[in-house]
Amino acid sequence: FISYADAGYGLIFGHGFEYQDAASRVAVEYPEVTFVISGGSRPSDNVVPLIFQLNEASYLAGMAAGAVTESGIVGMVGGVEIPTAKGTFVAFEAGVKAMRADATVLETFIGSWDDASAAKEAAAAQLRRGADVLIHNVDAASFGVFQSVREVREGGRVAWAFGMNRDQNDVAPDVIAGSAVIDYTGMFLQTAEAWRDGTLGSEPVYSGLATGTVEFVPNPAQEGLIPADVLELIDRARQEIIAGTLEVPSIDFIEEEDPVSSQ
């Protein structure tokens, strides 16, 4: 942050919740620079949290999972238990239970974003407990989740996975039912344009289905897996979320004032 600010940049992005503290400290010394933190929690005059509402797409994925599961047991494998990741799981579980109220939803956080072995074992443990549909929020470690699902399928069981953050349908098309997707690039560009035009402000920026930033994308290679009537229900829920008539569960982690920047 300091290097970019000293180089004369007026807008600096920190992509990740973990950049919040550093931005809060540096922002005090560079009041003319705007710091945008994706997943940030503490707004101030020149620190703007950018909140990707992936929970909305995760809810739709949960609806699909609730329709696809045969055992009624669905698993969630997460990386580091930060609010943004936890929020996607809260929403996913709600989506599952909107379709199947008696479903059991398992949750495991492995404490890492890139330990594919740990993700694979966590997924395997959930599959052993009877889960037949898994979703992840483990970033690069997701390959471990997909591999666990593939291995139980090779053993004769029916099991499916859902991708997260980007469209992973083509990563493992044989096991992925769909993906909850974020268009990071588009939202970063919109934010930069708002800053350029002087309309960004200092309040948190929320971006979800209504702005086209997030979406649930069924895997075209598994056409028919999610029944047509369920896809219609998912589309109806999508429109209700956009209209504000369906509130998707989330975790509110925005603080009213940045204690560092206000000193």
C-alpha atoms as a PDB file:
ATOM      1  CA  PHE A   1       0.000   0.000   0.000  1.00  0.00           C
ATOM      2  CA  ILE A   2       2.725   2.458   0.960  1.00  0.00           C
ATOM      3  CA  SER A   3       4.709   1.750  -2.202  1.00  0.00           C
ATOM      4  CA  TYR A   4       1.715   2.385  -4.442  1.00  0.00           C
ATOM      5  CA  ALA A   5       0.691   5.487  -2.494  1.00  0.00           C
ATOM      6  CA  ASP A   6       4.225   6.878  -2.669  1.00  0.00           C
ATOM      7  CA  ALA A   7       4.226   6.181  -6.405  1.00  0.00           C
ATOM      8  CA  GLY A   8       1.270   8.518  -6.809  1.00  0.00           C
ATOM      9  CA  TYR A   9      -1.647   6.130  -7.214  1.00  0.00           C
ATOM     10  CA  GLY A  10      -4.935   7.664  -6.071  1.00  0.00           C
ATOM     11  CA  LEU A  11      -6.918   4.415  -5.930  1.00  0.00           C
ATOM     12  CA  ILE A  12      -5.515   1.199  -4.473  1.00  0.00           C
ATOM     13  CA  PHE A  13      -7.309  -2.149  -4.192  1.00  0.00           C
ATOM     14  CA  GLY A  14      -6.627  -4.757  -1.531  1.00  0.00           C
ATOM     15  CA  HIS A  15      -8.284  -7.974  -2.643  1.00  0.00           C
ATOM     16  CA  GLY A  16      -9.127  -9.804   0.544  1.00  0.00           C
ATOM     17  CA  PHE A  17     -10.395  -9.404   4.106  1.00  0.00           C
ATOM     18  CA  GLU A  18      -6.808  -9.770   5.330  1.00  0.00           C
ATOM     19  CA  TYR A  19      -5.864  -6.353   3.907  1.00  0.00           C
ATOM     20  CA  GLN A  20      -8.279  -4.411   6.130  1.00  0.00           C
ATOM     21  CA  ASP A  21      -5.904  -3.720   9.036  1.00  0.00           C
ATOM     22  CA  ALA A  22      -3.049  -2.608   6.795  1.00  0.00           C
ATOM     23  CA  ALA A  23      -5.343  -0.315   4.820  1.00  0.00           C
ATOM     24  CA  SER A  24      -6.704   1.252   7.997  1.00  0.00           C
ATOM     25  CA  ARG A  25      -3.204   2.057   9.237  1.00  0.00           C
ATOM     26  CA  VAL A  26      -1.848   3.372   5.939  1.00  0.00           C
ATOM     27  CA  ALA A  27      -4.976   5.377   5.072  1.00  0.00           C
ATOM     28  CA  VAL A  28      -4.355   7.736   7.992  1.00  0.00           C
ATOM     29  CA  GLU A  29      -1.026   8.783   6.462  1.00  0.00           C
ATOM     30  CA  TYR A  30      -2.420   9.112   2.927  1.00  0.00           C
ATOM     31  CA  PRO A  31      -5.779  10.912   3.247  1.00  0.00           C
ATOM     32  CA  GLU A  32      -5.848  11.769  -0.475  1.00  0.00           C
ATOM     33  CA  VAL A  33      -5.624   8.105  -1.502  1.00  0.00           C
ATOM     34  CA  THR A  34      -8.694   5.846  -1.605  1.00  0.00           C
ATOM     35  CA  PHE A  35      -8.226   2.239  -0.488  1.00  0.00           C
ATOM     36  CA  VAL A  36     -10.842  -0.290  -1.606  1.00  0.00           C
ATOM     37  CA  ILE A  37     -10.833  -3.563   0.341  1.00  0.00           C
ATOM     38  CA  SER A  38     -12.835  -6.493  -0.994  1.00  0.00           C
ATOM     39  CA  GLY A  39     -14.460  -8.187   1.967  1.00  0.00           C
ATOM     40  CA  GLY A  40     -13.404  -5.266   4.160  1.00  0.00           C
ATOM     41  CA  SER A  41     -15.183  -4.498   7.411  1.00  0.00           C
ATOM     42  CA  ARG A  42     -14.249  -0.981   8.526  1.00  0.00           C
ATOM     43  CA  PRO A  43     -15.151   1.991   6.325  1.00  0.00           C
ATOM     44  CA  SER A  44     -13.608   5.414   6.849  1.00  0.00           C
ATOM     45  CA  ASP A  45     -13.204   8.599   4.824  1.00  0.00           C
ATOM     46  CA  ASN A  46     -10.781   6.898   2.431  1.00  0.00           C
ATOM     47  CA  VAL A  47     -11.225   3.171   3.118  1.00  0.00           C
ATOM     48  CA  VAL A  48     -14.125   1.615   1.209  1.00  0.00           C
ATOM     49  CA  PRO A  49     -15.216  -2.002   1.805  1.00  0.00           C
ATOM     50  CA  LEU A  50     -16.283  -3.755  -1.389  1.00  0.00           C
ATOM     51  CA  ILE A  51     -18.713  -6.522  -0.509  1.00  0.00           C
ATOM     52  CA  PHE A  52     -19.325  -9.204  -3.109  1.00  0.00           C
ATOM     53  CA  GLN A  53     -22.676 -10.735  -2.209  1.00  0.00           C
ATOM     54  CA  LEU A  54     -21.665 -14.252  -3.128  1.00  0.00           C
ATOM     55  CA  ASN A  55     -24.117 -15.436  -0.498  1.00  0.00           C
ATOM     56  CA  GLU A  56     -26.884 -14.698  -3.025  1.00  0.00           C
ATOM     57  CA  ALA A  57     -25.425 -17.051  -5.629  1.00  0.00           C
ATOM     58  CA  SER A  58     -24.620 -19.554  -2.871  1.00  0.00           C
ATOM     59  CA  TYR A  59     -28.278 -19.589  -1.845  1.00  0.00           C
ATOM     60  CA  LEU A  60     -29.278 -20.512  -5.393  1.00  0.00           C
ATOM     61  CA  ALA A  61     -26.599 -23.225  -5.441  1.00  0.00           C
ATOM     62  CA  GLY A  62     -28.037 -24.495  -2.171  1.00  0.00           C
ATOM     63  CA  MET A  63     -31.463 -24.776  -3.753  1.00  0.00           C
ATOM     64  CA  ALA A  64     -29.941 -26.887  -6.524  1.00  0.00           C
ATOM     65  CA  ALA A  65     -28.078 -29.028  -3.984  1.00  0.00           C
ATOM     66  CA  GLY A  66     -31.254 -29.567  -1.987  1.00  0.00           C
ATOM     67  CA  ALA A  67     -32.933 -30.888  -5.113  1.00  0.00           C
ATOM     68  CA  VAL A  68     -30.014 -33.072  -6.214  1.00  0.00           C
ATOM     69  CA  THR A  69     -29.167 -34.790  -2.923  1.00  0.00           C
ATOM     70  CA  GLU A  70     -30.560 -38.279  -2.497  1.00  0.00           C
ATOM     71  CA  SER A  71     -29.271 -38.941   1.014  1.00  0.00           C
ATOM     72  CA  GLY A  72     -30.472 -35.628   2.404  1.00  0.00           C
ATOM     73  CA  ILE A  73     -26.966 -34.931   3.712  1.00  0.00           C
ATOM     74  CA  VAL A  74     -25.005 -32.071   2.170  1.00  0.00           C
ATOM     75  CA  GLY A  75     -21.469 -30.957   3.044  1.00  0.00           C
ATOM     76  CA  MET A  76     -19.592 -27.649   3.008  1.00  0.00           C
ATOM     77  CA  VAL A  77     -15.773 -27.470   3.040  1.00  0.00           C
ATOM     78  CA  GLY A  78     -14.269 -24.055   3.760  1.00  0.00           C
ATOM     79  CA  GLY A  79     -10.773 -22.609   3.930  1.00  0.00           C
ATOM     80  CA  VAL A  80     -10.139 -19.980   6.601  1.00  0.00           C
ATOM     81  CA  GLU A  81     -13.215 -19.192   8.698  1.00  0.00           C
ATOM     82  CA  ILE A  82     -13.549 -15.518   7.792  1.00  0.00           C
ATOM     83  CA  PRO A  83     -16.920 -13.720   7.652  1.00  0.00           C
ATOM     84  CA  THR A  84     -17.174 -13.687   3.865  1.00  0.00           C
ATOM     85  CA  ALA A  85     -16.602 -17.443   3.620  1.00  0.00           C
ATOM     86  CA  LYS A  86     -18.890 -18.197   6.541  1.00  0.00           C
ATOM     87  CA  GLY A  87     -21.575 -16.039   4.944  1.00  0.00           C
ATOM     88  CA  THR A  88     -21.620 -18.118   1.770  1.00  0.00           C
ATOM     89  CA  PHE A  89     -22.203 -21.254   3.834  1.00  0.00           C
ATOM     90  CA  VAL A  90     -25.007 -19.710   5.901  1.00  0.00           C
ATOM     91  CA  ALA A  91     -26.763 -18.820   2.654  1.00  0.00           C
ATOM     92  CA  PHE A  92     -26.042 -22.173   0.998  1.00  0.00           C
ATOM     93  CA  GLU A  93     -27.552 -24.036   3.947  1.00  0.00           C
ATOM     94  CA  ALA A  94     -30.656 -21.852   3.781  1.00  0.00           C
ATOM     95  CA  GLY A  95     -30.988 -22.636   0.083  1.00  0.00           C
ATOM     96  CA  VAL A  96     -30.669 -26.361   0.733  1.00  0.00           C
ATOM     97  CA  LYS A  97     -33.366 -26.254   3.403  1.00  0.00           C
ATOM     98  CA  ALA A  98     -35.653 -24.147   1.228  1.00  0.00           C
ATOM     99  CA  MET A  99     -35.859 -27.206  -1.006  1.00  0.00           C
ATOM    100  CA  ARG A 100     -35.484 -29.923   1.620  1.00  0.00           C
ATOM    101  CA  ALA A 101     -36.346 -28.790   5.128  1.00  0.00           C
ATOM    102  CA  ASP A 102     -35.181 -32.019   6.770  1.00  0.00           C
ATOM    103  CA  ALA A 103     -31.704 -31.956   5.177  1.00  0.00           C
ATOM    104  CA  THR A 104     -28.579 -32.306   7.310  1.00  0.00           C
ATOM    105  CA  VAL A 105     -25.807 -29.857   6.409  1.00  0.00           C
ATOM    106  CA  LEU A 106     -22.213 -30.562   7.479  1.00  0.00           C
ATOM    107  CA  GLU A 107     -19.549 -27.852   7.761  1.00  0.00           C
ATOM    108  CA  THR A 108     -15.756 -28.056   7.988  1.00  0.00           C
ATOM    109  CA  PHE A 109     -13.113 -25.318   7.800  1.00  0.00           C
ATOM    110  CA  ILE A 110      -9.577 -26.549   7.118  1.00  0.00           C
ATOM    111  CA  GLY A 111      -7.753 -23.297   7.982  1.00  0.00           C
ATOM    112  CA  SER A 112      -6.093 -22.924   4.581  1.00  0.00           C
ATOM    113  CA  TRP A 113      -6.886 -21.740   1.066  1.00  0.00           C
ATOM    114  CA  ASP A 114      -4.353 -23.904  -0.747  1.00  0.00           C
ATOM    115  CA  ASP A 115      -4.004 -27.200   1.141  1.00  0.00           C
ATOM    116  CA  ALA A 116      -5.662 -29.533  -1.347  1.00  0.00           C
ATOM    117  CA  SER A 117      -4.787 -32.599   0.753  1.00  0.00           C
ATOM    118  CA  ALA A 118      -6.598 -31.206   3.786  1.00  0.00           C
ATOM    119  CA  ALA A 119      -9.570 -30.240   1.628  1.00  0.00           C
ATOM    120  CA  LYS A 120      -9.667 -33.721   0.144  1.00  0.00           C
ATOM    121  CA  GLU A 121      -9.658 -35.365   3.573  1.00  0.00           C
ATOM    122  CA  ALA A 122     -12.333 -33.002   4.907  1.00  0.00           C
ATOM    123  CA  ALA A 123     -14.498 -33.807   1.894  1.00  0.00           C
ATOM    124  CA  ALA A 124     -13.851 -37.528   2.289  1.00  0.00           C
ATOM    125  CA  ALA A 125     -14.886 -37.356   5.949  1.00  0.00           C
ATOM    126  CA  GLN A 126     -18.175 -35.707   5.022  1.00  0.00           C
ATOM    127  CA  LEU A 127     -18.784 -38.245   2.281  1.00  0.00           C
ATOM    128  CA  ARG A 128     -18.181 -41.038   4.800  1.00  0.00           C
ATOM    129  CA  ARG A 129     -20.858 -39.461   6.995  1.00  0.00           C
ATOM    130  CA  GLY A 130     -23.345 -39.875   4.158  1.00  0.00           C
ATOM    131  CA  ALA A 131     -23.098 -36.591   2.294  1.00  0.00           C
ATOM    132  CA  ASP A 132     -23.668 -36.967  -1.431  1.00  0.00           C
ATOM    133  CA  VAL A 133     -23.423 -33.289  -2.426  1.00  0.00           C
ATOM    134  CA  LEU A 134     -20.553 -30.995  -1.420  1.00  0.00           C
ATOM    135  CA  ILE A 135     -19.806 -27.329  -1.954  1.00  0.00           C
ATOM    136  CA  HIS A 136     -16.491 -25.671  -1.203  1.00  0.00           C
ATOM    137  CA  ASN A 137     -15.127 -22.242  -0.418  1.00  0.00           C
ATOM    138  CA  VAL A 138     -11.446 -23.175  -0.265  1.00  0.00           C
ATOM    139  CA  ASP A 139     -10.074 -21.360  -3.315  1.00  0.00           C
ATOM    140  CA  ALA A 140      -7.075 -23.268  -4.778  1.00  0.00           C
ATOM    141  CA  ALA A 141      -7.665 -26.237  -2.476  1.00  0.00           C
ATOM    142  CA  SER A 142     -10.946 -26.979  -4.251  1.00  0.00           C
ATOM    143  CA  PHE A 143      -9.260 -29.621  -6.382  1.00  0.00           C
ATOM    144  CA  GLY A 144      -9.036 -31.801  -3.279  1.00  0.00           C
ATOM    145  CA  VAL A 145     -12.799 -31.621  -2.825  1.00  0.00           C
ATOM    146  CA  PHE A 146     -13.457 -32.515  -6.446  1.00  0.00           C
ATOM    147  CA  GLN A 147     -11.025 -35.431  -6.245  1.00  0.00           C
ATOM    148  CA  SER A 148     -12.782 -36.877  -3.195  1.00  0.00           C
ATOM    149  CA  VAL A 149     -16.116 -36.721  -4.968  1.00  0.00           C
ATOM    150  CA  ARG A 150     -14.619 -38.304  -8.077  1.00  0.00           C
ATOM    151  CA  GLU A 151     -13.136 -41.168  -6.049  1.00  0.00           C
ATOM    152  CA  VAL A 152     -16.424 -42.101  -4.367  1.00  0.00           C
ATOM    153  CA  ARG A 153     -18.118 -41.996  -7.761  1.00  0.00           C
ATOM    154  CA  GLU A 154     -15.482 -44.362  -9.102  1.00  0.00           C
ATOM    155  CA  GLY A 155     -16.385 -46.637  -6.193  1.00  0.00           C
ATOM    156  CA  GLY A 156     -19.988 -46.786  -7.357  1.00  0.00           C
ATOM    157  CA  ARG A 157     -21.649 -44.056  -5.268  1.00  0.00           C
ATOM    158  CA  VAL A 158     -23.562 -41.112  -6.667  1.00  0.00           C
ATOM    159  CA  ALA A 159     -22.071 -37.833  -5.460  1.00  0.00           C
ATOM    160  CA  TRP A 160     -21.765 -34.286  -6.761  1.00  0.00           C
ATOM    161  CA  ALA A 161     -19.816 -31.116  -6.064  1.00  0.00           C
ATOM    162  CA  PHE A 162     -20.491 -27.418  -6.547  1.00  0.00           C
ATOM    163  CA  GLY A 163     -17.835 -24.891  -7.529  1.00  0.00           C
ATOM    164  CA  MET A 164     -17.369 -21.509  -5.889  1.00  0.00           C
ATOM    165  CA  ASN A 165     -15.928 -18.051  -6.650  1.00  0.00           C
ATOM    166  CA  ARG A 166     -15.354 -18.683 -10.347  1.00  0.00           C
ATOM    167  CA  ASP A 167     -17.098 -20.831 -12.916  1.00  0.00           C
ATOM    168  CA  GLN A 168     -15.457 -24.185 -12.224  1.00  0.00           C
ATOM    169  CA  ASN A 169     -17.833 -26.242 -14.333  1.00  0.00           C
ATOM    170  CA  ASP A 170     -15.091 -27.093 -16.816  1.00  0.00           C
ATOM    171  CA  VAL A 171     -12.529 -27.899 -14.098  1.00  0.00           C
ATOM    172  CA  ALA A 172     -14.177 -31.207 -13.240  1.00  0.00           C
ATOM    173  CA  PRO A 173     -17.211 -31.459 -15.521  1.00  0.00           C
ATOM    174  CA  ASP A 174     -17.813 -35.069 -14.542  1.00  0.00           C
ATOM    175  CA  VAL A 175     -18.506 -34.237 -10.883  1.00  0.00           C
ATOM    176  CA  ILE A 176     -19.564 -30.567 -10.752  1.00  0.00           C
ATOM    177  CA  ALA A 177     -23.277 -29.778 -10.820  1.00  0.00           C
ATOM    178  CA  GLY A 178     -22.852 -26.007 -11.001  1.00  0.00           C
ATOM    179  CA  SER A 179     -20.889 -23.036  -9.673  1.00  0.00           C
ATOM    180  CA  ALA A 180     -21.551 -19.940  -7.571  1.00  0.00           C
ATOM    181  CA  VAL A 181     -19.589 -17.322  -9.503  1.00  0.00           C
ATOM    182  CA  ILE A 182     -18.178 -13.825  -8.902  1.00  0.00           C
ATOM    183  CA  ASP A 183     -17.244 -11.443 -11.722  1.00  0.00           C
ATOM    184  CA  TYR A 184     -14.400  -9.697  -9.889  1.00  0.00           C
ATOM    185  CA  THR A 185     -13.074  -7.893 -12.942  1.00  0.00           C
ATOM    186  CA  GLY A 186     -16.351  -6.231 -13.805  1.00  0.00           C
ATOM    187  CA  MET A 187     -16.924  -4.935 -10.291  1.00  0.00           C
ATOM    188  CA  PHE A 188     -13.374  -3.680  -9.881  1.00  0.00           C
ATOM    189  CA  LEU A 189     -13.812  -1.753 -13.135  1.00  0.00           C
ATOM    190  CA  GLN A 190     -17.153  -0.289 -12.020  1.00  0.00           C
ATOM    191  CA  THR A 191     -15.594   0.764  -8.710  1.00  0.00           C
ATOM    192  CA  ALA A 192     -12.639   2.407 -10.442  1.00  0.00           C
ATOM    193  CA  GLU A 193     -14.983   4.286 -12.768  1.00  0.00           C
ATOM    194  CA  ALA A 194     -17.063   5.502  -9.807  1.00  0.00           C
ATOM    195  CA  TRP A 195     -13.879   6.744  -8.109  1.00  0.00           C
ATOM    196  CA  ARG A 196     -12.802   8.490 -11.311  1.00  0.00           C
ATOM    197  CA  ASP A 197     -16.194  10.153 -11.637  1.00  0.00           C
ATOM    198  CA  GLY A 198     -16.256  11.220  -7.987  1.00  0.00           C
ATOM    199  CA  THR A 199     -19.289   9.105  -7.090  1.00  0.00           C
ATOM    200  CA  LEU A 200     -17.640   6.338  -5.064  1.00  0.00           C
ATOM    201  CA  GLY A 201     -18.086   7.925  -1.629  1.00  0.00           C
ATOM    202  CA  SER A 202     -16.893   6.261   1.561  1.00  0.00           C
ATOM    203  CA  GLU A 203     -19.740   3.874   2.368  1.00  0.00           C
ATOM    204  CA  PRO A 204     -19.430   0.114   1.795  1.00  0.00           C
ATOM    205  CA  VAL A 205     -20.230  -0.930  -1.776  1.00  0.00           C
ATOM    206  CA  TYR A 206     -22.448  -4.001  -2.086  1.00  0.00           C
ATOM    207  CA  SER A 207     -22.603  -5.940  -5.322  1.00  0.00           C
ATOM    208  CA  GLY A 208     -24.571  -9.081  -6.058  1.00  0.00           C
ATOM    209  CA  LEU A 209     -27.188 -10.520  -8.384  1.00  0.00           C
ATOM    210  CA  ALA A 210     -28.740  -7.121  -9.071  1.00  0.00           C
ATOM    211  CA  THR A 211     -25.499  -5.769 -10.538  1.00  0.00           C
ATOM    212  CA  GLY A 212     -24.627  -8.967 -12.377  1.00  0.00           C
ATOM    213  CA  THR A 213     -21.559  -9.443 -10.199  1.00  0.00           C
ATOM    214  CA  VAL A 214     -22.546 -12.866  -8.859  1.00  0.00           C
ATOM    215  CA  GLU A 215     -24.514 -15.705 -10.412  1.00  0.00           C
ATOM    216  CA  PHE A 216     -25.291 -19.378 -10.074  1.00  0.00           C
ATOM    217  CA  VAL A 217     -24.285 -21.229 -13.237  1.00  0.00           C
ATOM    218  CA  PRO A 218     -25.502 -24.833 -13.731  1.00  0.00           C
ATOM    219  CA  ASN A 219     -22.984 -27.089 -15.444  1.00  0.00           C
ATOM    220  CA  PRO A 220     -24.065 -27.480 -19.096  1.00  0.00           C
ATOM    221  CA  ALA A 221     -22.214 -30.808 -19.216  1.00  0.00           C
ATOM    222  CA  GLN A 222     -24.713 -32.145 -16.658  1.00  0.00           C
ATOM    223  CA  GLU A 223     -27.879 -30.935 -18.351  1.00  0.00           C
ATOM    224  CA  GLY A 224     -30.905 -32.553 -16.746  1.00  0.00           C
ATOM    225  CA  LEU A 225     -29.223 -33.207 -13.400  1.00  0.00           C
ATOM    226  CA  ILE A 226     -31.028 -30.229 -11.901  1.00  0.00           C
ATOM    227  CA  PRO A 227     -34.673 -30.765 -12.940  1.00  0.00           C
ATOM    228  CA  ALA A 228     -36.324 -28.137 -15.116  1.00  0.00           C
ATOM    229  CA  ASP A 229     -38.926 -27.303 -12.476  1.00  0.00           C
ATOM    230  CA  VAL A 230     -36.146 -26.706  -9.942  1.00  0.00           C
ATOM    231  CA  LEU A 231     -34.341 -24.410 -12.375  1.00  0.00           C
ATOM    232  CA  GLU A 232     -37.602 -22.462 -12.658  1.00  0.00           C
ATOM    233  CA  LEU A 233     -37.774 -22.163  -8.863  1.00  0.00           C
ATOM    234  CA  ILE A 234     -34.151 -21.013  -8.791  1.00  0.00           C
ATOM    235  CA  ASP A 235     -34.862 -18.370 -11.418  1.00  0.00           C
ATOM    236  CA  ARG A 236     -37.896 -17.194  -9.467  1.00  0.00           C
ATOM    237  CA  ALA A 237     -35.774 -16.931  -6.317  1.00  0.00           C
ATOM    238  CA  ARG A 238     -33.147 -14.998  -8.297  1.00  0.00           C
ATOM    239  CA  GLN A 239     -35.745 -12.442  -9.372  1.00  0.00           C
ATOM    240  CA  GLU A 240     -37.113 -12.157  -5.824  1.00  0.00           C
ATOM    241  CA  ILE A 241     -33.618 -11.535  -4.450  1.00  0.00           C
ATOM    242  CA  ILE A 242     -33.030  -8.818  -7.035  1.00  0.00           C
ATOM    243  CA  ALA A 243     -36.429  -7.264  -6.247  1.00  0.00           C
ATOM    244  CA  GLY A 244     -35.690  -7.364  -2.525  1.00  0.00           C
ATOM    245  CA  THR A 245     -38.633  -9.600  -1.671  1.00  0.00           C
ATOM    246  CA  LEU A 246     -36.435 -12.561  -0.737  1.00  0.00           C
ATOM    247  CA  GLU A 247     -33.790 -11.836   1.874  1.00  0.00           C
ATOM    248  CA  VAL A 248     -30.810 -14.167   1.724  1.00  0.00           C
ATOM    249  CA  PRO A 249     -29.105 -14.900   5.062  1.00  0.00           C
ATOM    250  CA  SER A 250     -25.733 -13.247   5.495  1.00  0.00           C
ATOM    251  CA  ILE A 251     -23.193 -12.345   8.141  1.00  0.00           C
ATOM    252  CA  ASP A 252     -22.994  -8.618   8.832  1.00  0.00           C
ATOM    253  CA  PHE A 253     -19.387  -7.776   9.628  1.00  0.00           C
ATOM    254  CA  ILE A 254     -19.323  -4.071   8.755  1.00  0.00           C
ATOM    255  CA  GLU A 255     -18.324  -1.857  11.674  1.00  0.00           C
ATOM    256  CA  GLU A 256     -19.804   1.635  11.923  1.00  0.00           C
ATOM    257  CA  GLU A 257     -16.502   3.481  12.163  1.00  0.00           C
ATOM    258  CA  ASP A 258     -12.875   2.604  11.620  1.00  0.00           C
ATOM    259  CA  PRO A 259     -11.241   3.031  15.058  1.00  0.00           C
ATOM    260  CA  VAL A 260      -7.804   3.507  13.495  1.00  0.00           C
ATOM    261  CA  SER A 261      -8.738   6.132  10.932  1.00  0.00           C
ATOM    262  CA  SER A 262     -10.879   8.062  13.410  1.00  0.00           C
ATOM    263  CA  GLN A 263      -8.028   8.679  15.838  1.00  0.00           C
END
